[in-house]
Amino acid sequence: MIVNSARGCPRDPFPPGMMSRVAVSKQCLEPLWAAQCHLDVLSCAPMQTVIVTLFLLLAANVQAEEKKLEQLPLAPGSYSIDGKGQALCRRGPGGSSLFIESPELVAVVTAEGDKFHVDCYREAGVLRLEGALQGGALVAVGSGNKLALTPEGGAVTVLLETAKQKTSAKWARVTPAASGVATGIGGVFLRAKDAKKLRTWYAQHLGLPLSPYGFAPIRWRELDDPSHIATTVWATFKPESTHFDGPFMINYRVDHLDVLLKKLDKDGIKPERTEDEPGNGHFAWIRDGEGQLVELWEPPSDH
């Protein structure tokens, strides 16, 4: 991240957001990796090629499922139901499913090829529905039951028909779409006379979880997507550090840095510099209204 003391550590070869799905396969293939330790270099290379190929095929499959879910009328976020109730839509672990939760409906949508599986959890049990996209709407049916998610004028009409009841409600998105804004605190950086001593004090007395690299990664879950674990970095810097010029600096997470920079440019605010770090995100540094240096960070999807 910003305090990139971890540079030089081997990076994972898989795309961001893949690890929760790939982890299972890694466990299954762990004996194969272990077996390589007992082989010479020549015999090890083909084994690595086979395993890497398997992982790449799995990665391609997961990414295809994620693309498919993006076509659904509902996107991750908070919704109001008919202007009064509340509902939540969020991605499942690994991004391969979509959870839909409201007082009247709890369902999980998964993609498989051109079809969608929908499991609706009811008091009487689980309804398994099979569906597909029809003109932008998701229509899933099974055993006389039906679930339809139909986009209408910026909202989504959610229709559920069972043998006992039929309900219909309009879901309007509450969570604003990505618009180039700060979404949280990405880091808190302090300049210290003795950086090591100060961070040790915070770890000892306040319990900050220091990493082997000397900073504290504070993990938290996003309100609109609880399956996503994000990180705020707390770190101390030596007096001679040139990373920032004041006694402290705040890093702000932003949703779309390019959009935000265009908005700032219209307001006459120019970045002092920008930087792209593969696997670590996009950065920019600006001055606030009192001249303090501010770091802007658009993290990759797995941060």
C-alpha atoms as a PDB file:
ATOM      1  CA  MET A   1       0.000   0.000   0.000  1.00  0.00           C
ATOM      2  CA  ILE A   2       1.282   3.479   0.728  1.00  0.00           C
ATOM      3  CA  VAL A   3       3.905   2.267   3.176  1.00  0.00           C
ATOM      4  CA  ASN A   4       5.307  -0.162   0.695  1.00  0.00           C
ATOM      5  CA  SER A   5       7.896  -1.795   2.937  1.00  0.00           C
ATOM      6  CA  ALA A   6       6.667  -5.082   1.541  1.00  0.00           C
ATOM      7  CA  ARG A   7       8.277  -4.389  -1.828  1.00  0.00           C
ATOM      8  CA  GLY A   8      10.434  -7.289  -2.824  1.00  0.00           C
ATOM      9  CA  CYS A   9       8.044  -9.855  -1.359  1.00  0.00           C
ATOM     10  CA  PRO A  10       6.736 -12.308  -3.964  1.00  0.00           C
ATOM     11  CA  ARG A  11       3.397 -11.205  -5.371  1.00  0.00           C
ATOM     12  CA  ASP A  12       0.588 -13.684  -5.884  1.00  0.00           C
ATOM     13  CA  PRO A  13       0.194 -14.501  -9.611  1.00  0.00           C
ATOM     14  CA  PHE A  14      -3.596 -14.474  -9.507  1.00  0.00           C
ATOM     15  CA  PRO A  15      -5.937 -11.548 -10.265  1.00  0.00           C
ATOM     16  CA  PRO A  16      -7.317  -9.398  -7.381  1.00  0.00           C
ATOM     17  CA  GLY A  17     -10.431 -10.871  -5.763  1.00  0.00           C
ATOM     18  CA  MET A  18      -9.484 -14.392  -6.811  1.00  0.00           C
ATOM     19  CA  MET A  19      -7.842 -15.656  -3.676  1.00  0.00           C
ATOM     20  CA  SER A  20     -10.935 -16.715  -1.715  1.00  0.00           C
ATOM     21  CA  ARG A  21     -11.950 -18.915  -4.646  1.00  0.00           C
ATOM     22  CA  VAL A  22      -8.458 -20.149  -5.489  1.00  0.00           C
ATOM     23  CA  ALA A  23      -7.614 -20.932  -1.869  1.00  0.00           C
ATOM     24  CA  VAL A  24      -9.740 -24.091  -1.927  1.00  0.00           C
ATOM     25  CA  SER A  25      -7.981 -25.359  -5.012  1.00  0.00           C
ATOM     26  CA  LYS A  26      -4.622 -24.468  -3.484  1.00  0.00           C
ATOM     27  CA  GLN A  27      -5.435 -26.691  -0.525  1.00  0.00           C
ATOM     28  CA  CYS A  28      -6.465 -29.516  -2.815  1.00  0.00           C
ATOM     29  CA  LEU A  29      -3.244 -29.186  -4.817  1.00  0.00           C
ATOM     30  CA  GLU A  30      -0.986 -28.627  -1.818  1.00  0.00           C
ATOM     31  CA  PRO A  31       0.341 -32.221  -1.942  1.00  0.00           C
ATOM     32  CA  LEU A  32       1.449 -31.590  -5.527  1.00  0.00           C
ATOM     33  CA  TRP A  33       3.332 -28.477  -4.511  1.00  0.00           C
ATOM     34  CA  ALA A  34       4.950 -30.390  -1.647  1.00  0.00           C
ATOM     35  CA  ALA A  35       5.923 -33.195  -3.991  1.00  0.00           C
ATOM     36  CA  GLN A  36       7.900 -30.758  -6.080  1.00  0.00           C
ATOM     37  CA  CYS A  37      10.283 -30.206  -3.182  1.00  0.00           C
ATOM     38  CA  HIS A  38      11.543 -33.766  -3.685  1.00  0.00           C
ATOM     39  CA  LEU A  39      12.056 -33.437  -7.442  1.00  0.00           C
ATOM     40  CA  ASP A  40      14.995 -32.005  -9.321  1.00  0.00           C
ATOM     41  CA  VAL A  41      14.640 -28.763 -11.312  1.00  0.00           C
ATOM     42  CA  LEU A  42      14.028 -30.461 -14.663  1.00  0.00           C
ATOM     43  CA  SER A  43      11.217 -32.685 -13.423  1.00  0.00           C
ATOM     44  CA  CYS A  44       9.748 -29.867 -11.337  1.00  0.00           C
ATOM     45  CA  ALA A  45       9.135 -27.502 -14.264  1.00  0.00           C
ATOM     46  CA  PRO A  46       6.451 -29.617 -15.993  1.00  0.00           C
ATOM     47  CA  MET A  47       4.629 -30.053 -12.692  1.00  0.00           C
ATOM     48  CA  GLN A  48       4.604 -26.292 -12.156  1.00  0.00           C
ATOM     49  CA  THR A  49       3.313 -25.748 -15.687  1.00  0.00           C
ATOM     50  CA  VAL A  50       0.390 -28.121 -15.101  1.00  0.00           C
ATOM     51  CA  ILE A  51      -0.555 -26.552 -11.777  1.00  0.00           C
ATOM     52  CA  VAL A  52      -0.264 -22.973 -13.023  1.00  0.00           C
ATOM     53  CA  THR A  53      -2.411 -23.917 -16.036  1.00  0.00           C
ATOM     54  CA  LEU A  54      -5.075 -25.315 -13.702  1.00  0.00           C
ATOM     55  CA  PHE A  55      -5.065 -22.118 -11.655  1.00  0.00           C
ATOM     56  CA  LEU A  56      -5.299 -19.930 -14.762  1.00  0.00           C
ATOM     57  CA  LEU A  57      -8.276 -21.949 -16.016  1.00  0.00           C
ATOM     58  CA  LEU A  58      -9.954 -21.557 -12.641  1.00  0.00           C
ATOM     59  CA  ALA A  59      -9.203 -17.822 -12.659  1.00  0.00           C
ATOM     60  CA  ALA A  60     -10.747 -17.431 -16.114  1.00  0.00           C
ATOM     61  CA  ASN A  61     -13.866 -19.293 -14.963  1.00  0.00           C
ATOM     62  CA  VAL A  62     -14.290 -17.118 -11.864  1.00  0.00           C
ATOM     63  CA  GLN A  63     -13.820 -13.910 -13.854  1.00  0.00           C
ATOM     64  CA  ALA A  64     -16.455 -15.094 -16.340  1.00  0.00           C
ATOM     65  CA  GLU A  65     -18.896 -15.661 -13.460  1.00  0.00           C
ATOM     66  CA  GLU A  66     -18.194 -12.180 -12.080  1.00  0.00           C
ATOM     67  CA  LYS A  67     -18.821 -10.618 -15.512  1.00  0.00           C
ATOM     68  CA  LYS A  68     -22.098 -12.513 -15.734  1.00  0.00           C
ATOM     69  CA  LEU A  69     -23.277 -11.251 -12.344  1.00  0.00           C
ATOM     70  CA  GLU A  70     -22.544  -7.676 -13.423  1.00  0.00           C
ATOM     71  CA  GLN A  71     -25.349  -8.021 -15.998  1.00  0.00           C
ATOM     72  CA  LEU A  72     -27.993  -8.476 -13.295  1.00  0.00           C
ATOM     73  CA  PRO A  73     -30.391  -5.569 -12.580  1.00  0.00           C
ATOM     74  CA  LEU A  74     -29.297  -5.447  -8.924  1.00  0.00           C
ATOM     75  CA  ALA A  75     -25.767  -4.343  -8.080  1.00  0.00           C
ATOM     76  CA  PRO A  76     -24.049  -4.482  -4.675  1.00  0.00           C
ATOM     77  CA  GLY A  77     -25.270  -1.697  -2.418  1.00  0.00           C
ATOM     78  CA  SER A  78     -28.081  -0.525  -0.175  1.00  0.00           C
ATOM     79  CA  TYR A  79     -31.665  -0.154  -1.404  1.00  0.00           C
ATOM     80  CA  SER A  80     -34.910   1.317  -0.143  1.00  0.00           C
ATOM     81  CA  ILE A  81     -38.051  -0.765  -0.633  1.00  0.00           C
ATOM     82  CA  ASP A  82     -41.053   1.263  -1.821  1.00  0.00           C
ATOM     83  CA  GLY A  83     -39.467   4.295  -0.147  1.00  0.00           C
ATOM     84  CA  LYS A  84     -39.637   2.876   3.389  1.00  0.00           C
ATOM     85  CA  GLY A  85     -38.100  -0.558   3.941  1.00  0.00           C
ATOM     86  CA  GLN A  86     -34.421  -1.390   3.568  1.00  0.00           C
ATOM     87  CA  ALA A  87     -32.612  -4.042   1.549  1.00  0.00           C
ATOM     88  CA  LEU A  88     -29.022  -5.002   0.884  1.00  0.00           C
ATOM     89  CA  CYS A  89     -27.343  -6.570  -2.106  1.00  0.00           C
ATOM     90  CA  ARG A  90     -23.748  -7.785  -1.777  1.00  0.00           C
ATOM     91  CA  ARG A  91     -21.233 -10.056  -3.428  1.00  0.00           C
ATOM     92  CA  GLY A  92     -20.531 -13.444  -1.883  1.00  0.00           C
ATOM     93  CA  PRO A  93     -17.009 -14.720  -1.085  1.00  0.00           C
ATOM     94  CA  GLY A  94     -14.780 -14.548  -4.155  1.00  0.00           C
ATOM     95  CA  GLY A  95     -17.336 -12.494  -6.066  1.00  0.00           C
ATOM     96  CA  SER A  96     -18.984 -15.603  -7.568  1.00  0.00           C
ATOM     97  CA  SER A  97     -22.455 -15.056  -6.110  1.00  0.00           C
ATOM     98  CA  LEU A  98     -24.882 -12.264  -5.266  1.00  0.00           C
ATOM     99  CA  PHE A  99     -26.685 -12.126  -1.908  1.00  0.00           C
ATOM    100  CA  ILE A 100     -30.072 -10.379  -1.852  1.00  0.00           C
ATOM    101  CA  GLU A 101     -31.459  -9.566   1.602  1.00  0.00           C
ATOM    102  CA  SER A 102     -34.675  -7.841   2.675  1.00  0.00           C
ATOM    103  CA  PRO A 103     -37.410  -8.449   5.279  1.00  0.00           C
ATOM    104  CA  GLU A 104     -39.372 -10.406   2.635  1.00  0.00           C
ATOM    105  CA  LEU A 105     -36.620 -12.049   0.630  1.00  0.00           C
ATOM    106  CA  VAL A 106     -33.297 -13.741   1.249  1.00  0.00           C
ATOM    107  CA  ALA A 107     -31.766 -15.202  -1.894  1.00  0.00           C
ATOM    108  CA  VAL A 108     -28.436 -16.189  -3.388  1.00  0.00           C
ATOM    109  CA  VAL A 109     -27.848 -15.863  -7.134  1.00  0.00           C
ATOM    110  CA  THR A 110     -25.028 -17.759  -8.840  1.00  0.00           C
ATOM    111  CA  ALA A 111     -24.044 -17.863 -12.504  1.00  0.00           C
ATOM    112  CA  GLU A 112     -23.286 -20.960 -14.535  1.00  0.00           C
ATOM    113  CA  GLY A 113     -22.770 -20.548 -18.260  1.00  0.00           C
ATOM    114  CA  ASP A 114     -25.742 -18.664 -19.704  1.00  0.00           C
ATOM    115  CA  LYS A 115     -28.005 -19.618 -16.796  1.00  0.00           C
ATOM    116  CA  PHE A 116     -28.522 -18.381 -13.245  1.00  0.00           C
ATOM    117  CA  HIS A 117     -29.327 -20.435 -10.167  1.00  0.00           C
ATOM    118  CA  VAL A 118     -31.413 -18.717  -7.482  1.00  0.00           C
ATOM    119  CA  ASP A 119     -31.819 -20.163  -3.989  1.00  0.00           C
ATOM    120  CA  CYS A 120     -34.634 -18.422  -2.093  1.00  0.00           C
ATOM    121  CA  TYR A 121     -34.608 -19.079   1.636  1.00  0.00           C
ATOM    122  CA  ARG A 122     -38.133 -19.349   3.043  1.00  0.00           C
ATOM    123  CA  GLU A 123     -39.623 -20.574   6.339  1.00  0.00           C
ATOM    124  CA  ALA A 124     -40.745 -23.760   4.598  1.00  0.00           C
ATOM    125  CA  GLY A 125     -37.294 -24.407   3.173  1.00  0.00           C
ATOM    126  CA  VAL A 126     -35.133 -23.443   0.219  1.00  0.00           C
ATOM    127  CA  LEU A 127     -36.657 -22.810  -3.208  1.00  0.00           C
ATOM    128  CA  ARG A 128     -34.264 -23.637  -6.054  1.00  0.00           C
ATOM    129  CA  LEU A 129     -35.114 -21.604  -9.160  1.00  0.00           C
ATOM    130  CA  GLU A 130     -33.432 -21.649 -12.557  1.00  0.00           C
ATOM    131  CA  GLY A 131     -33.400 -18.540 -14.684  1.00  0.00           C
ATOM    132  CA  ALA A 132     -31.917 -16.398 -17.409  1.00  0.00           C
ATOM    133  CA  LEU A 133     -31.790 -12.782 -18.524  1.00  0.00           C
ATOM    134  CA  GLN A 134     -34.763 -11.677 -20.571  1.00  0.00           C
ATOM    135  CA  GLY A 135     -34.414  -8.187 -22.015  1.00  0.00           C
ATOM    136  CA  GLY A 136     -32.374  -6.944 -19.060  1.00  0.00           C
ATOM    137  CA  ALA A 137     -34.539  -8.649 -16.450  1.00  0.00           C
ATOM    138  CA  LEU A 138     -33.692 -11.791 -14.510  1.00  0.00           C
ATOM    139  CA  VAL A 139     -36.539 -14.299 -14.563  1.00  0.00           C
ATOM    140  CA  ALA A 140     -36.121 -17.501 -12.561  1.00  0.00           C
ATOM    141  CA  VAL A 141     -38.758 -20.234 -12.133  1.00  0.00           C
ATOM    142  CA  GLY A 142     -39.102 -23.639 -10.559  1.00  0.00           C
ATOM    143  CA  SER A 143     -41.867 -25.880  -9.121  1.00  0.00           C
ATOM    144  CA  GLY A 144     -44.567 -23.275  -9.710  1.00  0.00           C
ATOM    145  CA  ASN A 145     -42.539 -20.471  -8.103  1.00  0.00           C
ATOM    146  CA  LYS A 146     -41.122 -17.384  -9.800  1.00  0.00           C
ATOM    147  CA  LEU A 147     -38.675 -14.594  -9.035  1.00  0.00           C
ATOM    148  CA  ALA A 148     -38.293 -11.651 -11.416  1.00  0.00           C
ATOM    149  CA  LEU A 149     -35.903  -8.711 -11.106  1.00  0.00           C
ATOM    150  CA  THR A 150     -36.974  -6.083 -13.627  1.00  0.00           C
ATOM    151  CA  PRO A 151     -35.242  -2.690 -14.101  1.00  0.00           C
ATOM    152  CA  GLU A 152     -37.746   0.169 -14.270  1.00  0.00           C
ATOM    153  CA  GLY A 153     -36.853   3.853 -14.388  1.00  0.00           C
ATOM    154  CA  GLY A 154     -33.677   3.697 -12.325  1.00  0.00           C
ATOM    155  CA  ALA A 155     -35.119   1.218  -9.834  1.00  0.00           C
ATOM    156  CA  VAL A 156     -35.715  -2.532  -9.837  1.00  0.00           C
ATOM    157  CA  THR A 157     -39.080  -4.220  -9.379  1.00  0.00           C
ATOM    158  CA  VAL A 158     -38.674  -7.414  -7.358  1.00  0.00           C
ATOM    159  CA  LEU A 159     -41.529  -9.867  -7.945  1.00  0.00           C
ATOM    160  CA  LEU A 160     -41.799 -13.125  -5.993  1.00  0.00           C
ATOM    161  CA  GLU A 161     -44.580 -15.603  -6.667  1.00  0.00           C
ATOM    162  CA  THR A 162     -45.054 -18.769  -4.622  1.00  0.00           C
ATOM    163  CA  ALA A 163     -47.963 -21.165  -4.162  1.00  0.00           C
ATOM    164  CA  LYS A 164     -49.042 -19.202  -1.087  1.00  0.00           C
ATOM    165  CA  GLN A 165     -48.366 -15.565  -1.945  1.00  0.00           C
ATOM    166  CA  LYS A 166     -47.320 -12.994  -4.491  1.00  0.00           C
ATOM    167  CA  THR A 167     -45.303  -9.926  -3.533  1.00  0.00           C
ATOM    168  CA  SER A 168     -43.988  -7.069  -5.613  1.00  0.00           C
ATOM    169  CA  ALA A 169     -41.857  -4.132  -4.494  1.00  0.00           C
ATOM    170  CA  LYS A 170     -39.745  -1.421  -6.067  1.00  0.00           C
ATOM    171  CA  TRP A 171     -36.118  -1.333  -4.931  1.00  0.00           C
ATOM    172  CA  ALA A 172     -34.350   2.017  -5.359  1.00  0.00           C
ATOM    173  CA  ARG A 173     -30.597   2.212  -4.892  1.00  0.00           C
ATOM    174  CA  VAL A 174     -29.504   4.267  -1.900  1.00  0.00           C
ATOM    175  CA  THR A 175     -25.763   3.755  -2.267  1.00  0.00           C
ATOM    176  CA  PRO A 176     -24.483   6.368  -4.733  1.00  0.00           C
ATOM    177  CA  ALA A 177     -22.826   5.087  -7.876  1.00  0.00           C
ATOM    178  CA  ALA A 178     -19.078   5.517  -8.205  1.00  0.00           C
ATOM    179  CA  SER A 179     -18.568   9.223  -8.762  1.00  0.00           C
ATOM    180  CA  GLY A 180     -15.018  10.109  -7.791  1.00  0.00           C
ATOM    181  CA  VAL A 181     -15.362  10.704  -4.041  1.00  0.00           C
ATOM    182  CA  ALA A 182     -13.506   9.771  -0.862  1.00  0.00           C
ATOM    183  CA  THR A 183     -14.985   6.591   0.615  1.00  0.00           C
ATOM    184  CA  GLY A 184     -12.913   6.184   3.776  1.00  0.00           C
ATOM    185  CA  ILE A 185      -9.534   6.484   5.456  1.00  0.00           C
ATOM    186  CA  GLY A 186      -6.786   4.534   3.719  1.00  0.00           C
ATOM    187  CA  GLY A 187      -3.930   5.464   6.017  1.00  0.00           C
ATOM    188  CA  VAL A 188      -2.757   7.559   8.952  1.00  0.00           C
ATOM    189  CA  PHE A 189       0.935   8.502   8.890  1.00  0.00           C
ATOM    190  CA  LEU A 190       2.811  10.139  11.764  1.00  0.00           C
ATOM    191  CA  ARG A 191       6.273  11.685  11.774  1.00  0.00           C
ATOM    192  CA  ALA A 192       8.148  10.687  14.942  1.00  0.00           C
ATOM    193  CA  LYS A 193      11.460  11.481  16.622  1.00  0.00           C
ATOM    194  CA  ASP A 194      11.883   7.730  17.126  1.00  0.00           C
ATOM    195  CA  ALA A 195       9.532   5.957  14.684  1.00  0.00           C
ATOM    196  CA  LYS A 196      10.243   2.445  15.975  1.00  0.00           C
ATOM    197  CA  LYS A 197       9.817   3.416  19.627  1.00  0.00           C
ATOM    198  CA  LEU A 198       6.559   5.261  18.972  1.00  0.00           C
ATOM    199  CA  ARG A 199       4.917   2.425  17.033  1.00  0.00           C
ATOM    200  CA  THR A 200       6.030   0.002  19.754  1.00  0.00           C
ATOM    201  CA  TRP A 201       4.288   2.256  22.296  1.00  0.00           C
ATOM    202  CA  TYR A 202       1.047   2.153  20.295  1.00  0.00           C
ATOM    203  CA  ALA A 203       1.286  -1.628  19.943  1.00  0.00           C
ATOM    204  CA  GLN A 204       1.974  -2.138  23.636  1.00  0.00           C
ATOM    205  CA  HIS A 205      -0.562   0.289  25.103  1.00  0.00           C
ATOM    206  CA  LEU A 206      -3.289   0.489  22.446  1.00  0.00           C
ATOM    207  CA  GLY A 207      -2.902  -2.947  20.910  1.00  0.00           C
ATOM    208  CA  LEU A 208      -2.307  -1.871  17.324  1.00  0.00           C
ATOM    209  CA  PRO A 209      -1.475  -5.017  15.310  1.00  0.00           C
ATOM    210  CA  LEU A 210       1.994  -4.327  13.906  1.00  0.00           C
ATOM    211  CA  SER A 211       2.999  -6.246  10.808  1.00  0.00           C
ATOM    212  CA  PRO A 212       6.515  -7.654  10.262  1.00  0.00           C
ATOM    213  CA  TYR A 213       7.146  -4.578   8.095  1.00  0.00           C
ATOM    214  CA  GLY A 214       6.584  -2.121  10.949  1.00  0.00           C
ATOM    215  CA  PHE A 215       3.132  -0.697  10.139  1.00  0.00           C
ATOM    216  CA  ALA A 216      -0.302  -1.607  11.507  1.00  0.00           C
ATOM    217  CA  PRO A 217      -2.869  -2.880   8.966  1.00  0.00           C
ATOM    218  CA  ILE A 218      -6.292  -2.226  10.514  1.00  0.00           C
ATOM    219  CA  ARG A 219      -8.857  -4.401   8.763  1.00  0.00           C
ATOM    220  CA  TRP A 220     -12.574  -3.675   8.501  1.00  0.00           C
ATOM    221  CA  ARG A 221     -15.621  -4.655   6.451  1.00  0.00           C
ATOM    222  CA  GLU A 222     -17.514  -2.403   4.072  1.00  0.00           C
ATOM    223  CA  LEU A 223     -21.073  -1.610   5.136  1.00  0.00           C
ATOM    224  CA  ASP A 224     -22.555  -2.150   1.666  1.00  0.00           C
ATOM    225  CA  ASP A 225     -20.463  -5.238   0.936  1.00  0.00           C
ATOM    226  CA  PRO A 226     -19.654  -7.036   4.217  1.00  0.00           C
ATOM    227  CA  SER A 227     -17.901  -9.836   2.345  1.00  0.00           C
ATOM    228  CA  HIS A 228     -15.206  -7.320   1.323  1.00  0.00           C
ATOM    229  CA  ILE A 229     -12.440  -6.838   3.893  1.00  0.00           C
ATOM    230  CA  ALA A 230     -10.623  -3.531   3.470  1.00  0.00           C
ATOM    231  CA  THR A 231      -7.509  -2.147   5.170  1.00  0.00           C
ATOM    232  CA  THR A 232      -6.449   1.132   6.744  1.00  0.00           C
ATOM    233  CA  VAL A 233      -2.701   1.485   7.297  1.00  0.00           C
ATOM    234  CA  TRP A 234      -1.314   3.189  10.414  1.00  0.00           C
ATOM    235  CA  ALA A 235       2.419   3.935  10.289  1.00  0.00           C
ATOM    236  CA  THR A 236       5.189   6.054  11.795  1.00  0.00           C
ATOM    237  CA  PHE A 237       7.912   7.775   9.761  1.00  0.00           C
ATOM    238  CA  LYS A 238      11.425   8.945  10.619  1.00  0.00           C
ATOM    239  CA  PRO A 239      12.022  12.717  10.948  1.00  0.00           C
ATOM    240  CA  GLU A 240      14.014  12.807   7.696  1.00  0.00           C
ATOM    241  CA  SER A 241      11.319  11.079   5.643  1.00  0.00           C
ATOM    242  CA  THR A 242      10.377  12.883   2.430  1.00  0.00           C
ATOM    243  CA  HIS A 243       7.081  11.021   1.957  1.00  0.00           C
ATOM    244  CA  PHE A 244       5.246  14.032   3.424  1.00  0.00           C
ATOM    245  CA  ASP A 245       6.328  17.385   4.779  1.00  0.00           C
ATOM    246  CA  GLY A 246       4.144  17.927   7.832  1.00  0.00           C
ATOM    247  CA  PRO A 247       3.878  16.236  11.232  1.00  0.00           C
ATOM    248  CA  PHE A 248       1.279  13.846   9.787  1.00  0.00           C
ATOM    249  CA  MET A 249      -0.560  12.931   6.598  1.00  0.00           C
ATOM    250  CA  ILE A 250      -3.951  11.327   5.968  1.00  0.00           C
ATOM    251  CA  ASN A 251      -4.560   8.968   3.067  1.00  0.00           C
ATOM    252  CA  TYR A 252      -8.114   8.870   1.707  1.00  0.00           C
ATOM    253  CA  ARG A 253      -9.541   5.903  -0.166  1.00  0.00           C
ATOM    254  CA  VAL A 254     -11.411   7.030  -3.301  1.00  0.00           C
ATOM    255  CA  ASP A 255     -13.676   5.067  -5.612  1.00  0.00           C
ATOM    256  CA  HIS A 256     -12.447   6.361  -8.993  1.00  0.00           C
ATOM    257  CA  LEU A 257      -9.280   8.432  -8.837  1.00  0.00           C
ATOM    258  CA  ASP A 258      -9.394   9.501 -12.495  1.00  0.00           C
ATOM    259  CA  VAL A 259     -12.930  10.857 -12.071  1.00  0.00           C
ATOM    260  CA  LEU A 260     -11.978  12.678  -8.868  1.00  0.00           C
ATOM    261  CA  LEU A 261      -8.884  14.280 -10.443  1.00  0.00           C
ATOM    262  CA  LYS A 262     -11.007  15.639 -13.291  1.00  0.00           C
ATOM    263  CA  LYS A 263     -13.415  17.164 -10.775  1.00  0.00           C
ATOM    264  CA  LEU A 264     -10.550  18.686  -8.807  1.00  0.00           C
ATOM    265  CA  ASP A 265      -9.018  20.078 -11.995  1.00  0.00           C
ATOM    266  CA  LYS A 266     -12.260  21.938 -12.735  1.00  0.00           C
ATOM    267  CA  ASP A 267     -11.980  23.465  -9.260  1.00  0.00           C
ATOM    268  CA  GLY A 268      -8.424  24.583  -9.978  1.00  0.00           C
ATOM    269  CA  ILE A 269      -6.799  21.924  -7.770  1.00  0.00           C
ATOM    270  CA  LYS A 270      -3.820  20.238  -9.410  1.00  0.00           C
ATOM    271  CA  PRO A 271      -2.107  17.106  -8.080  1.00  0.00           C
ATOM    272  CA  GLU A 272       1.549  17.558  -7.087  1.00  0.00           C
ATOM    273  CA  ARG A 273       2.209  14.116  -8.507  1.00  0.00           C
ATOM    274  CA  THR A 274       0.509  10.837  -9.380  1.00  0.00           C
ATOM    275  CA  GLU A 275       1.728   7.264  -9.257  1.00  0.00           C
ATOM    276  CA  ASP A 276       0.499   3.837 -10.332  1.00  0.00           C
ATOM    277  CA  GLU A 277       1.729   0.784  -8.464  1.00  0.00           C
ATOM    278  CA  PRO A 278       0.755  -2.559 -10.057  1.00  0.00           C
ATOM    279  CA  GLY A 279      -1.087  -4.629  -7.485  1.00  0.00           C
ATOM    280  CA  ASN A 280      -1.128  -1.724  -5.045  1.00  0.00           C
ATOM    281  CA  GLY A 281      -3.431   0.796  -6.689  1.00  0.00           C
ATOM    282  CA  HIS A 282      -3.408   4.357  -8.025  1.00  0.00           C
ATOM    283  CA  PHE A 283      -2.172   7.353  -6.024  1.00  0.00           C
ATOM    284  CA  ALA A 284      -2.225  11.145  -6.191  1.00  0.00           C
ATOM    285  CA  TRP A 285      -1.063  13.882  -3.822  1.00  0.00           C
ATOM    286  CA  ILE A 286      -2.811  17.242  -3.461  1.00  0.00           C
ATOM    287  CA  ARG A 287      -2.878  20.158  -1.003  1.00  0.00           C
ATOM    288  CA  ASP A 288      -5.997  20.871   1.023  1.00  0.00           C
ATOM    289  CA  GLY A 289      -7.460  24.296   1.768  1.00  0.00           C
ATOM    290  CA  GLU A 290      -4.768  24.992   4.397  1.00  0.00           C
ATOM    291  CA  GLY A 291      -1.845  23.678   2.384  1.00  0.00           C
ATOM    292  CA  GLN A 292      -1.554  20.287   4.077  1.00  0.00           C
ATOM    293  CA  LEU A 293      -0.460  17.382   1.910  1.00  0.00           C
ATOM    294  CA  VAL A 294      -3.232  14.839   1.263  1.00  0.00           C
ATOM    295  CA  GLU A 295      -2.744  11.426  -0.268  1.00  0.00           C
ATOM    296  CA  LEU A 296      -5.505   9.981  -2.460  1.00  0.00           C
ATOM    297  CA  TRP A 297      -5.601   6.245  -3.083  1.00  0.00           C
ATOM    298  CA  GLU A 298      -7.729   4.103  -5.340  1.00  0.00           C
ATOM    299  CA  PRO A 299      -7.026   0.593  -4.034  1.00  0.00           C
ATOM    300  CA  PRO A 300      -7.243  -2.580  -6.113  1.00  0.00           C
ATOM    301  CA  SER A 301     -10.383  -4.661  -5.660  1.00  0.00           C
ATOM    302  CA  ASP A 302      -8.810  -7.039  -3.125  1.00  0.00           C
ATOM    303  CA  HIS A 303      -7.880  -4.215  -0.695  1.00  0.00           C
END
